[in-house]
C-alpha cells in the first residue's frame, strides 16, 4: 500500500493534462498511487492517460462509459483510494516537485488537512499576481472555532483551494462527500467546513500549488453579472450546514464576514503601503 493516493478526475483535459501528470510523477517523494478517472472525454484525454499509464505502474486509469457528473467523478477517485492519506488533483493545475515530500510528513504527524502555498497562474501558465498567493492558510483550535474562522474567511483569499491539500482519508466521510455534491460550485468550501469539525487545516511549508485561471472569454461574449455579496459570502450554503450552534455562530459573525469581503482588499493595500514606508 502506498503512503498516499492521489485522485485526478478529468473531462476533456487534453490542453493541460500532461503538465499536471508530469508534476506528480516528478515528485521527489515516490510512494504514491495516481488514480485518474476520465469522465467519458471526447478529446485526446484517453490517449494521453493511457500513454502515461503504460510508462508508470503507479498510475491506475479508469474511463467512465458515460459522463457521471463532476461530483460523482470527484467521489469516484476517492472511493478507489487505498492509502491512509489522500489528495485530489485538478487536471489543469501543477505542483512544485517537493509538494509531497514537504506536506506528507506533516499530515502523518498531525492528523490534519495540510496545505502549502497557493500560486495563481494565467490560463497559459504564467504566474499571476493575486492576493491569495503565498498565504499560510491555517485553521486550528477547537473544532467550533476553526469551522467559524474558515466560514468567515473571504473567498477571494483562496480558501477553496485547500481542497487540493493532503487529507487523512478517514477525515473524509460519507457526509463530507454528500456535502460536496449537494452544494454545487461552493461544494468544496462546504465540504472543507464539514471536515473541520474533525480535523484542523494546517500550513505544512513553503511548497506551491499552481492554480490555473479559467480560459479567457471569447471576443464579443457578454460579461457575466457579478455575484451579489451574499452569494460571494455563501450565506445560503453556510446556513444549510449543521449543527444549529454553527449556524447561530455564523449569523453572529456574518457582519465580520461582510466587512472582510467588502473592505479587506483596501485594508491589505493600506497595510502594504504602511509596510513599504516603514521599510523605506
Protein backbone atom coordinates (compact mmCIF):
# COMPACT_ATOMS: atom_id res chain seq x y z
CA UNK A 1 0.00 0.00 0.00
CA UNK A 2 1.41 3.44 -0.90
CA UNK A 3 1.59 6.22 1.69
CA UNK A 4 -0.74 8.49 -0.29
CA UNK A 5 -3.34 8.11 -3.02
CA UNK A 6 -3.77 10.99 -5.49
CA UNK A 7 -7.11 11.24 -7.30
CA UNK A 8 -7.41 13.15 -10.57
CA UNK A 9 -10.91 13.49 -12.04
CA UNK A 10 -10.73 14.77 -15.61
CA UNK A 11 -13.00 15.65 -18.50
CA UNK A 12 -11.61 16.89 -21.84
CA UNK A 13 -8.32 17.95 -20.30
CA UNK A 14 -6.00 17.49 -23.28
CA UNK A 15 -4.58 21.02 -23.20
CA UNK A 16 -3.07 20.92 -19.69
CA UNK A 17 -3.22 17.26 -18.61
CA UNK A 18 0.37 16.37 -19.46
CA UNK A 19 1.80 19.07 -17.20
CA UNK A 20 -0.48 18.05 -14.33
CA UNK A 21 0.50 14.38 -14.54
CA UNK A 22 4.19 15.21 -15.06
CA UNK A 23 4.23 17.37 -11.94
CA UNK A 24 3.06 14.35 -9.92
CA UNK A 25 5.35 11.76 -11.47
CA UNK A 26 8.39 14.03 -10.99
CA UNK A 27 7.82 14.43 -7.24
CA UNK A 28 10.91 13.73 -5.12
CA UNK A 29 8.59 11.65 -2.91
CA UNK A 30 7.73 8.49 -4.82
CA UNK A 31 5.50 6.35 -2.57
CA UNK A 32 2.12 7.21 -4.10
CA UNK A 33 -0.52 5.95 -6.49
CA UNK A 34 -2.21 8.19 -9.05
CA UNK A 35 -5.87 7.36 -9.78
CA UNK A 36 -7.24 9.02 -12.92
CA UNK A 37 -10.94 8.91 -13.75
CA UNK A 38 -11.69 10.03 -17.30
CA UNK A 39 -15.31 11.19 -17.34
CA UNK A 40 -16.05 9.95 -20.89
CA UNK A 41 -13.87 12.62 -22.50
CA UNK A 42 -14.33 13.35 -26.20
CA UNK A 43 -10.84 14.76 -26.85
CA UNK A 44 -7.34 13.23 -26.57
CA UNK A 45 -7.57 12.74 -22.78
CA UNK A 46 -7.84 8.94 -23.05
CA UNK A 47 -4.81 8.68 -25.32
CA UNK A 48 -2.71 10.88 -23.01
CA UNK A 49 -3.70 8.93 -19.88
CA UNK A 50 -3.05 5.53 -21.43
CA UNK A 51 0.33 6.73 -22.67
CA UNK A 52 1.37 7.73 -19.15
CA UNK A 53 -0.12 4.58 -17.57
CA UNK A 54 1.98 2.31 -19.79
CA UNK A 55 5.13 4.13 -18.66
CA UNK A 56 4.47 4.25 -14.89
CA UNK A 57 2.78 1.48 -12.93
CA UNK A 58 1.83 3.88 -10.12
CA UNK A 59 -0.99 5.14 -12.38
CA UNK A 60 -4.41 3.50 -12.29
CA UNK A 61 -6.52 4.75 -15.18
CA UNK A 62 -10.31 4.40 -15.33
CA UNK A 63 -12.51 5.54 -18.20
CA UNK A 64 -16.19 6.08 -17.48
CA UNK A 65 -18.51 4.74 -20.18
CA UNK A 66 -20.73 7.81 -19.80
CA UNK A 67 -20.37 11.19 -18.12
CA UNK A 68 -21.23 10.70 -14.44
CA UNK A 69 -21.01 14.39 -13.48
CA UNK A 70 -18.34 16.37 -11.68
CA UNK A 71 -19.29 15.41 -8.11
CA UNK A 72 -19.56 11.71 -8.87
CA UNK A 73 -16.21 11.71 -10.67
CA UNK A 74 -14.68 13.58 -7.74
CA UNK A 75 -16.07 10.87 -5.46
CA UNK A 76 -15.06 8.00 -7.75
CA UNK A 77 -11.33 8.66 -7.44
CA UNK A 78 -11.66 8.88 -3.65
CA UNK A 79 -13.53 5.57 -3.48
CA UNK A 80 -10.72 3.83 -5.41
CA UNK A 81 -8.04 5.02 -2.98
CA UNK A 82 -6.21 2.57 -0.73
CA UNK A 83 -3.67 4.71 1.14
CA UNK A 84 -4.20 6.33 4.56
CA UNK A 85 -3.58 9.79 3.04
CA UNK A 86 -5.40 11.26 0.05
CA UNK A 87 -5.07 14.23 -2.29
CA UNK A 88 -7.33 15.47 -5.07
CA UNK A 89 -5.55 16.96 -8.08
CA UNK A 90 -7.15 19.09 -10.80
CA UNK A 91 -6.19 18.12 -14.34
CA UNK A 92 -5.11 21.69 -15.20
CA UNK A 93 -3.05 22.51 -12.09
CA UNK A 94 0.52 21.58 -11.25
CA UNK A 95 2.63 21.35 -8.08
CA UNK A 96 6.20 22.00 -7.00
CA UNK A 97 8.47 18.97 -7.10
CA UNK A 98 8.62 18.86 -3.28
CA UNK A 99 4.86 19.20 -2.61
CA UNK A 100 4.54 15.64 -1.32
CA UNK A 101 7.89 15.44 0.47
CA UNK A 102 7.13 18.64 2.41
CA UNK A 103 3.47 18.03 3.23
CA UNK A 104 3.09 14.25 3.69
CA UNK A 105 5.21 14.10 6.89
CA UNK A 106 3.16 16.94 8.41
CA UNK A 107 -0.11 15.21 7.52
CA UNK A 108 1.10 11.99 9.12
CA UNK A 109 2.38 13.68 12.26
CA UNK A 110 -0.57 15.99 12.91
CA UNK A 111 -3.60 14.11 11.52
CA UNK A 112 -4.71 17.26 9.73
CA UNK A 113 -5.59 18.58 6.29
CA UNK A 114 -2.28 20.04 5.17
CA UNK A 115 -1.71 22.70 2.52
CA UNK A 116 1.29 24.68 1.28
CA UNK A 117 1.28 27.94 -0.64
CA UNK A 118 -1.03 28.88 -3.48
CA UNK A 119 0.31 30.49 -6.65
CA UNK A 120 -2.31 31.70 -9.10
CA UNK A 121 -1.46 31.41 -12.80
CA UNK A 122 -2.91 32.68 -16.04
CA UNK A 123 -4.66 30.24 -18.36
CA UNK A 124 -1.46 29.95 -20.41
CA UNK A 125 0.60 29.12 -17.30
CA UNK A 126 2.28 32.40 -16.33
CA UNK A 127 2.48 33.43 -12.67
CA UNK A 128 -0.34 35.82 -11.82
CA UNK A 129 -0.22 38.47 -9.09
CA UNK A 130 -3.02 37.68 -6.64
CA UNK A 131 -3.86 38.42 -3.03
CA UNK A 132 -4.11 34.67 -2.27
CA UNK A 133 -0.52 33.95 -3.33
CA UNK A 134 1.81 32.82 -0.56
CA UNK A 135 -0.75 32.93 2.26
CA UNK A 136 -0.39 30.47 5.12
CA UNK A 137 -3.90 29.04 5.20
CA UNK A 138 -4.33 27.57 8.66
CA UNK A 139 -7.45 26.95 10.75
CA UNK A 140 -6.66 25.42 14.10
CA UNK A 141 -8.01 25.44 17.66
CA UNK A 142 -11.28 23.97 18.89
CA UNK A 143 -13.49 22.46 16.18
CA UNK A 144 -16.26 25.05 16.64
CA UNK A 145 -13.82 27.93 16.20
CA UNK A 146 -11.86 26.63 13.22
CA UNK A 147 -15.14 25.99 11.34
CA UNK A 148 -16.34 29.54 12.00
CA UNK A 149 -12.95 31.08 11.23
CA UNK A 150 -12.90 29.27 7.90
CA UNK A 151 -16.50 30.22 7.12
CA UNK A 152 -15.92 33.96 7.56
CA UNK A 153 -12.63 33.94 5.60
CA UNK A 154 -13.15 35.86 2.32
CA UNK A 155 -13.39 33.52 -0.64
CA UNK A 156 -11.02 35.71 -2.68
CA UNK A 157 -8.16 34.75 -0.35
CA UNK A 158 -8.07 31.27 -1.86
CA UNK A 159 -9.60 29.13 0.88
CA UNK A 160 -11.40 26.81 -1.59
CA UNK A 161 -8.04 25.61 -2.92
CA UNK A 162 -7.33 23.73 0.31
CA UNK A 163 -9.48 21.01 -1.29
CA UNK A 164 -6.25 20.16 -3.15
CA UNK A 165 -4.29 19.71 0.07
CA UNK A 166 -3.48 16.39 1.74
CA UNK A 167 -6.25 14.72 3.77
CA UNK A 168 -6.22 11.90 6.27
CA UNK A 169 -8.52 9.60 4.29
CA UNK A 170 -10.51 8.86 7.46
CA UNK A 171 -11.40 12.57 7.74
CA UNK A 172 -13.47 12.40 4.55
CA UNK A 173 -16.76 10.73 5.47
CA UNK A 174 -19.96 9.91 3.64
CA UNK A 175 -21.37 13.20 4.94
CA UNK A 176 -18.33 15.08 3.58
CA UNK A 177 -18.92 13.72 0.10
CA UNK A 178 -22.66 14.35 0.30
CA UNK A 179 -21.97 17.95 1.35
CA UNK A 180 -19.70 18.38 -1.66
CA UNK A 181 -22.26 17.01 -4.10
CA UNK A 182 -25.37 18.93 -2.97
CA UNK A 183 -23.83 22.42 -2.81
CA UNK A 184 -22.89 22.99 -6.44
CA UNK A 185 -20.00 25.37 -7.11
CA UNK A 186 -19.27 26.11 -3.42
CA UNK A 187 -19.26 22.38 -2.65
CA UNK A 188 -15.51 22.36 -1.99
CA UNK A 189 -15.80 25.11 0.65
CA UNK A 190 -18.79 23.44 2.30
CA UNK A 191 -17.02 20.08 2.40
CA UNK A 192 -13.93 21.60 3.98
CA UNK A 193 -16.12 23.32 6.59
CA UNK A 194 -17.70 19.95 7.37
CA UNK A 195 -14.28 18.24 7.65
CA UNK A 196 -13.04 20.97 10.01
CA UNK A 197 -15.39 19.51 12.59
CA UNK A 198 -12.99 16.54 12.83
CA UNK A 199 -9.54 17.79 11.80
CA UNK A 200 -7.77 21.16 11.53
CA UNK A 201 -6.28 22.72 8.42
CA UNK A 202 -2.53 23.21 8.89
CA UNK A 203 0.07 25.09 6.84
CA UNK A 204 2.73 22.50 6.05
CA UNK A 205 5.51 24.52 4.43
CA UNK A 206 6.53 26.75 1.52
CA UNK A 207 5.75 24.49 -1.41
CA UNK A 208 3.36 25.65 -4.13
CA UNK A 209 0.20 24.56 -5.87
CA UNK A 210 -0.11 26.42 -9.18
CA UNK A 211 -3.78 27.15 -9.83
CA UNK A 212 -4.63 27.94 -13.43
CA UNK A 213 -7.26 30.60 -14.18
CA UNK A 214 -10.27 29.98 -16.38
CA UNK A 215 -9.82 30.45 -20.14
CA UNK A 216 -10.27 33.99 -21.44
CA UNK A 217 -13.76 34.97 -22.55
CA UNK A 218 -14.23 34.78 -26.35
CA UNK A 219 -14.46 38.18 -28.10
CA UNK A 220 -17.96 39.57 -28.17
CA UNK A 221 -19.16 37.49 -25.22
CA UNK A 222 -21.17 39.42 -22.68
CA UNK A 223 -19.50 39.90 -19.33
CA UNK A 224 -21.03 37.73 -16.61
CA UNK A 225 -23.07 39.51 -13.98
CA UNK A 226 -21.09 39.97 -10.77
CA UNK A 227 -22.34 37.75 -7.97
CA UNK A 228 -24.02 39.52 -5.06
CA UNK A 229 -22.19 39.95 -1.76
CA UNK A 230 -24.50 37.32 -0.26
CA UNK A 231 -23.54 34.84 -2.99
CA UNK A 232 -19.84 35.61 -2.59
CA UNK A 233 -20.02 35.05 1.17
CA UNK A 234 -22.02 31.82 0.54
CA UNK A 235 -24.61 32.81 3.12
CA UNK A 236 -27.30 30.37 1.98
CA UNK A 237 -24.91 27.42 1.85
CA UNK A 238 -23.39 28.05 5.27
CA UNK A 239 -26.85 28.34 6.81
CA UNK A 240 -27.63 24.86 5.48
CA UNK A 241 -24.81 23.26 7.46
CA UNK A 242 -25.21 21.78 10.90
CA UNK A 243 -25.16 21.80 13.80
CA UNK A 244 -27.53 24.59 14.87
CA UNK A 245 -24.78 26.09 17.05
CA UNK A 246 -22.64 26.59 13.92
CA UNK A 247 -25.45 28.40 12.08
CA UNK A 248 -26.08 30.68 15.08
CA UNK A 249 -22.36 31.43 15.41
CA UNK A 250 -22.08 32.16 11.70
CA UNK A 251 -25.02 34.57 11.80
CA UNK A 252 -23.47 36.40 14.75
CA UNK A 253 -20.15 36.72 12.89
CA UNK A 254 -21.70 37.44 9.49
CA UNK A 255 -21.19 41.24 9.73
CA UNK A 256 -17.48 40.49 10.09
CA UNK A 257 -17.59 38.23 7.02
CA UNK A 258 -19.30 41.02 5.05
CA UNK A 259 -16.78 43.62 6.18
CA UNK A 260 -13.80 41.44 5.31
CA UNK A 261 -15.23 40.73 1.87
CA UNK A 262 -16.09 44.37 1.10
CA UNK A 263 -13.13 46.18 2.64
CA UNK A 264 -10.45 43.53 3.08
CA UNK A 265 -8.57 44.38 -0.11
CA UNK A 266 -8.43 48.09 0.75
CA UNK A 267 -7.17 47.25 4.23
CA UNK A 268 -4.46 44.92 2.86
CA UNK A 269 -3.31 47.59 0.41
CA UNK A 270 -3.20 50.15 3.21
CA UNK A 271 -1.12 47.80 5.36
CA UNK A 272 1.20 47.14 2.43
CA UNK A 273 1.74 50.87 1.93
CA UNK A 274 2.48 51.30 5.62
CA UNK A 275 4.96 48.42 5.50
CA UNK A 276 6.62 49.99 2.46
CA UNK A 277 7.03 53.27 4.27
CA UNK A 278 8.44 51.61 7.36
CA UNK A 279 10.92 49.63 5.27
CA UNK A 280 11.90 52.81 3.45
